[in-house]
Amino acid sequence: MDNELKTYLEAMEGRIGDRLGRIGDRLGRIGDRLEAMEDRMDAMEGRMDALDAKIEKVETTLLTEFHKWASPAELRMRSHAATLRVLDVEMEARSERVDKLEGPAAS
């Protein structure tokens, strides 16, 4: 009986060893896949950083060009507004002169 038990245990030990070997192989393949995935993620992060830099450059360029366009436009607008204020003052003065010339009867 001891030989039978010993043979059975040795066979079981062999099966367990085989199964552990297959599990080890699968874990190795999973580890390899995880490393490949990490490499792809690192590459993707690099591309995202490069894209962020490009976006920042485009934003800066657009803002610079807008500022170049808006500054003269704002100056023209202020100049026109000042001219309109002067014209309003002149129109008000002329309106008062006309009212004085026409006298109280015209009102």
C-alpha atoms as a PDB file:
ATOM      1  CA  MET A   1       0.000   0.000   0.000  1.00  0.00           C
ATOM      2  CA  ASP A   2       2.840   2.365   0.690  1.00  0.00           C
ATOM      3  CA  ASN A   3       4.171   1.962  -2.846  1.00  0.00           C
ATOM      4  CA  GLU A   4       0.715   2.567  -4.264  1.00  0.00           C
ATOM      5  CA  LEU A   5       0.296   5.736  -2.183  1.00  0.00           C
ATOM      6  CA  LYS A   6       3.787   6.860  -3.081  1.00  0.00           C
ATOM      7  CA  THR A   7       3.131   6.325  -6.793  1.00  0.00           C
ATOM      8  CA  TYR A   8      -0.213   8.144  -6.523  1.00  0.00           C
ATOM      9  CA  LEU A   9       1.364  11.088  -4.691  1.00  0.00           C
ATOM     10  CA  GLU A  10       4.224  11.279  -7.192  1.00  0.00           C
ATOM     11  CA  ALA A  11       1.737  11.299 -10.092  1.00  0.00           C
ATOM     12  CA  MET A  12      -0.298  13.989  -8.334  1.00  0.00           C
ATOM     13  CA  GLU A  13       2.859  15.998  -7.699  1.00  0.00           C
ATOM     14  CA  GLY A  14       3.702  15.731 -11.394  1.00  0.00           C
ATOM     15  CA  ARG A  15       0.227  16.955 -12.392  1.00  0.00           C
ATOM     16  CA  ILE A  16       0.412  19.825  -9.930  1.00  0.00           C
ATOM     17  CA  GLY A  17       3.881  20.722 -11.242  1.00  0.00           C
ATOM     18  CA  ASP A  18       2.616  20.674 -14.833  1.00  0.00           C
ATOM     19  CA  ARG A  19      -0.373  22.809 -13.927  1.00  0.00           C
ATOM     20  CA  LEU A  20       1.839  25.266 -12.036  1.00  0.00           C
ATOM     21  CA  GLY A  21       4.123  25.420 -15.061  1.00  0.00           C
ATOM     22  CA  ARG A  22       1.201  26.268 -17.356  1.00  0.00           C
ATOM     23  CA  ILE A  23      -0.018  28.891 -14.869  1.00  0.00           C
ATOM     24  CA  GLY A  24       3.487  30.343 -14.753  1.00  0.00           C
ATOM     25  CA  ASP A  25       3.595  30.479 -18.557  1.00  0.00           C
ATOM     26  CA  ARG A  26       0.213  32.232 -18.677  1.00  0.00           C
ATOM     27  CA  LEU A  27       1.324  34.719 -16.028  1.00  0.00           C
ATOM     28  CA  GLY A  28       4.473  35.376 -18.065  1.00  0.00           C
ATOM     29  CA  ARG A  29       2.400  36.070 -21.187  1.00  0.00           C
ATOM     30  CA  ILE A  30       0.083  38.332 -19.177  1.00  0.00           C
ATOM     31  CA  GLY A  31       3.137  40.167 -17.839  1.00  0.00           C
ATOM     32  CA  ASP A  32       4.454  40.598 -21.377  1.00  0.00           C
ATOM     33  CA  ARG A  33       1.092  41.973 -22.514  1.00  0.00           C
ATOM     34  CA  LEU A  34       1.009  44.393 -19.573  1.00  0.00           C
ATOM     35  CA  GLU A  35       4.491  45.635 -20.446  1.00  0.00           C
ATOM     36  CA  ALA A  36       3.438  46.134 -24.076  1.00  0.00           C
ATOM     37  CA  MET A  37       0.361  48.022 -22.894  1.00  0.00           C
ATOM     38  CA  GLU A  38       2.498  50.232 -20.642  1.00  0.00           C
ATOM     39  CA  ASP A  39       4.806  50.956 -23.591  1.00  0.00           C
ATOM     40  CA  ARG A  40       1.810  51.953 -25.729  1.00  0.00           C
ATOM     41  CA  MET A  41       0.472  54.155 -22.931  1.00  0.00           C
ATOM     42  CA  ASP A  42       3.873  55.841 -22.577  1.00  0.00           C
ATOM     43  CA  ALA A  43       3.942  56.474 -26.325  1.00  0.00           C
ATOM     44  CA  MET A  44       0.399  57.850 -26.167  1.00  0.00           C
ATOM     45  CA  GLU A  45       1.364  60.192 -23.311  1.00  0.00           C
ATOM     46  CA  GLY A  46       4.268  61.437 -25.420  1.00  0.00           C
ATOM     47  CA  ARG A  47       1.962  62.149 -28.337  1.00  0.00           C
ATOM     48  CA  MET A  48      -0.498  63.907 -26.031  1.00  0.00           C
ATOM     49  CA  ASP A  49       2.301  66.105 -24.653  1.00  0.00           C
ATOM     50  CA  ALA A  50       3.335  66.993 -28.194  1.00  0.00           C
ATOM     51  CA  LEU A  51      -0.288  67.752 -29.069  1.00  0.00           C
ATOM     52  CA  ASP A  52      -0.619  69.964 -25.984  1.00  0.00           C
ATOM     53  CA  ALA A  53       2.435  71.917 -27.103  1.00  0.00           C
ATOM     54  CA  LYS A  54       0.995  72.344 -30.605  1.00  0.00           C
ATOM     55  CA  ILE A  55      -2.360  73.494 -29.214  1.00  0.00           C
ATOM     56  CA  GLU A  56      -0.613  76.021 -26.975  1.00  0.00           C
ATOM     57  CA  LYS A  57       1.347  77.336 -29.969  1.00  0.00           C
ATOM     58  CA  VAL A  58      -1.839  77.712 -32.034  1.00  0.00           C
ATOM     59  CA  GLU A  59      -3.623  79.482 -29.164  1.00  0.00           C
ATOM     60  CA  THR A  60      -0.708  81.866 -28.692  1.00  0.00           C
ATOM     61  CA  THR A  61      -0.523  82.595 -32.411  1.00  0.00           C
ATOM     62  CA  LEU A  62      -4.263  83.216 -32.661  1.00  0.00           C
ATOM     63  CA  LEU A  63      -4.305  85.491 -29.623  1.00  0.00           C
ATOM     64  CA  THR A  64      -1.313  87.434 -30.930  1.00  0.00           C
ATOM     65  CA  GLU A  65      -2.919  87.957 -34.337  1.00  0.00           C
ATOM     66  CA  PHE A  66      -6.240  88.930 -32.753  1.00  0.00           C
ATOM     67  CA  HIS A  67      -4.464  91.443 -30.543  1.00  0.00           C
ATOM     68  CA  LYS A  68      -2.672  92.882 -33.576  1.00  0.00           C
ATOM     69  CA  TRP A  69      -6.040  93.309 -35.300  1.00  0.00           C
ATOM     70  CA  ALA A  70      -8.005  94.495 -32.258  1.00  0.00           C
ATOM     71  CA  SER A  71      -5.585  97.176 -31.056  1.00  0.00           C
ATOM     72  CA  PRO A  72      -5.901  99.424 -34.147  1.00  0.00           C
ATOM     73  CA  ALA A  73      -9.645  98.725 -34.335  1.00  0.00           C
ATOM     74  CA  GLU A  74     -10.059  99.828 -30.742  1.00  0.00           C
ATOM     75  CA  LEU A  75      -8.030 102.978 -31.393  1.00  0.00           C
ATOM     76  CA  ARG A  76     -10.211 103.797 -34.412  1.00  0.00           C
ATOM     77  CA  MET A  77     -13.345 103.179 -32.371  1.00  0.00           C
ATOM     78  CA  ARG A  78     -12.133 105.493 -29.592  1.00  0.00           C
ATOM     79  CA  SER A  79     -11.203 108.136 -32.139  1.00  0.00           C
ATOM     80  CA  HIS A  80     -14.644 107.929 -33.751  1.00  0.00           C
ATOM     81  CA  ALA A  81     -16.330 108.073 -30.347  1.00  0.00           C
ATOM     82  CA  ALA A  82     -14.351 111.213 -29.452  1.00  0.00           C
ATOM     83  CA  THR A  83     -15.300 112.789 -32.790  1.00  0.00           C
ATOM     84  CA  LEU A  84     -18.969 111.978 -32.182  1.00  0.00           C
ATOM     85  CA  ARG A  85     -18.812 113.561 -28.726  1.00  0.00           C
ATOM     86  CA  VAL A  86     -17.360 116.757 -30.220  1.00  0.00           C
ATOM     87  CA  LEU A  87     -20.072 116.784 -32.898  1.00  0.00           C
ATOM     88  CA  ASP A  88     -22.737 116.290 -30.223  1.00  0.00           C
ATOM     89  CA  VAL A  89     -21.399 119.278 -28.268  1.00  0.00           C
ATOM     90  CA  GLU A  90     -21.339 121.402 -31.440  1.00  0.00           C
ATOM     91  CA  MET A  91     -24.878 120.314 -32.372  1.00  0.00           C
ATOM     92  CA  GLU A  92     -26.100 121.166 -28.889  1.00  0.00           C
ATOM     93  CA  ALA A  93     -24.490 124.637 -29.091  1.00  0.00           C
ATOM     94  CA  ARG A  94     -26.007 125.291 -32.522  1.00  0.00           C
ATOM     95  CA  SER A  95     -29.386 124.096 -31.356  1.00  0.00           C
ATOM     96  CA  GLU A  96     -29.225 126.554 -28.469  1.00  0.00           C
ATOM     97  CA  ARG A  97     -28.250 129.374 -30.876  1.00  0.00           C
ATOM     98  CA  VAL A  98     -31.157 128.525 -33.187  1.00  0.00           C
ATOM     99  CA  ASP A  99     -33.551 128.501 -30.215  1.00  0.00           C
ATOM    100  CA  LYS A 100     -32.277 131.966 -29.148  1.00  0.00           C
ATOM    101  CA  LEU A 101     -32.629 133.321 -32.681  1.00  0.00           C
ATOM    102  CA  GLU A 102     -36.159 132.021 -33.105  1.00  0.00           C
ATOM    103  CA  GLY A 103     -37.147 133.443 -29.750  1.00  0.00           C
ATOM    104  CA  PRO A 104     -39.945 132.388 -27.388  1.00  0.00           C
ATOM    105  CA  ALA A 105     -42.718 132.697 -30.019  1.00  0.00           C
ATOM    106  CA  ALA A 106     -41.450 129.690 -32.029  1.00  0.00           C
ATOM    107  CA  SER A 107     -41.507 127.350 -29.063  1.00  0.00           C
END
